[in-house]
Amino acid sequence: MEFTAMDEAIDWLKRHRQEVLVGTIVTAAGATFIVVSAGAGVLVLAPLVLMTQSESTPEGAVCGERK
């Protein structure tokens, strides 16, 4: 789903909360979010960057490595 403003996305989610699946990707105002459940039927738009994990190890982060 794609919206030009956050208000549009929030209004749409409020009206369609029964139809939206957890894990749905939503683009609003140029940012990407994922729908997550916060319990008790509450849906939250979480920034997708929070759900990603870096596969690379920062330089110098290996245990025991010294420069």
Protein backbone atom coordinates (compact mmCIF):
# COMPACT_ATOMS: atom_id res chain seq x y z
CA MET A 1 0.00 0.00 0.00
CA GLU A 2 1.20 3.52 -0.67
CA PHE A 3 0.00 6.81 0.80
CA THR A 4 1.25 10.35 0.25
CA ALA A 5 0.79 11.38 3.90
CA MET A 6 0.88 9.61 7.28
CA ASP A 7 -2.62 10.87 8.15
CA GLU A 8 -4.02 9.06 5.09
CA ALA A 9 -2.30 5.81 6.11
CA ILE A 10 -3.51 6.03 9.71
CA ASP A 11 -7.09 6.81 8.66
CA TRP A 12 -7.09 3.90 6.21
CA LEU A 13 -5.72 1.50 8.84
CA LYS A 14 -8.37 2.58 11.34
CA ARG A 15 -11.14 1.87 8.81
CA HIS A 16 -9.69 -1.46 7.62
CA ARG A 17 -8.06 -2.94 10.72
CA GLN A 18 -9.89 -6.27 10.26
CA GLU A 19 -8.56 -6.70 6.70
CA VAL A 20 -4.91 -5.74 7.28
CA LEU A 21 -2.48 -8.58 7.87
CA VAL A 22 0.43 -8.27 10.27
CA GLY A 23 3.55 -8.00 8.13
CA THR A 24 1.93 -5.80 5.47
CA ILE A 25 4.36 -3.26 4.01
CA VAL A 26 3.04 0.31 3.92
CA THR A 27 4.72 3.30 2.27
CA ALA A 28 3.60 6.64 3.69
CA ALA A 29 5.15 10.04 3.07
CA GLY A 30 8.16 8.42 1.40
CA ALA A 31 9.00 6.13 4.34
CA THR A 32 8.44 2.37 4.54
CA PHE A 33 6.67 0.78 7.49
CA ILE A 34 5.54 -2.71 8.44
CA VAL A 35 2.28 -3.46 10.25
CA VAL A 36 2.94 -5.15 13.61
CA SER A 37 0.60 -6.19 16.39
CA ALA A 38 1.01 -4.60 19.81
CA GLY A 39 -1.46 -6.96 21.46
CA ALA A 40 -5.18 -6.58 22.22
CA GLY A 41 -5.92 -5.99 18.53
CA VAL A 42 -3.76 -2.86 18.31
CA LEU A 43 -1.95 -2.38 15.00
CA VAL A 44 1.23 -0.30 14.85
CA LEU A 45 3.15 1.06 11.87
CA ALA A 46 6.79 0.30 12.73
CA PRO A 47 9.56 1.81 10.59
CA LEU A 48 10.94 -0.99 8.41
CA VAL A 49 14.52 -0.05 9.32
CA LEU A 50 13.82 -1.38 12.84
CA MET A 51 13.10 -4.81 11.37
CA THR A 52 16.33 -5.15 9.39
CA GLN A 53 19.60 -6.62 10.57
CA SER A 54 23.03 -5.87 9.22
CA GLU A 55 24.86 -8.90 7.87
CA SER A 56 28.25 -7.20 7.93
CA THR A 57 30.50 -6.90 10.95
CA PRO A 58 31.88 -3.41 11.56
CA GLU A 59 35.64 -3.16 11.27
CA GLY A 60 37.27 -3.86 14.63
CA ALA A 61 34.17 -5.54 16.06
CA VAL A 62 35.62 -9.05 16.02
CA CYS A 63 36.30 -10.27 19.55
CA GLY A 64 39.96 -10.02 20.47
CA GLU A 65 40.96 -7.93 17.46
CA ARG A 66 43.19 -4.98 18.30
CA LYS A 67 44.56 -2.23 16.12
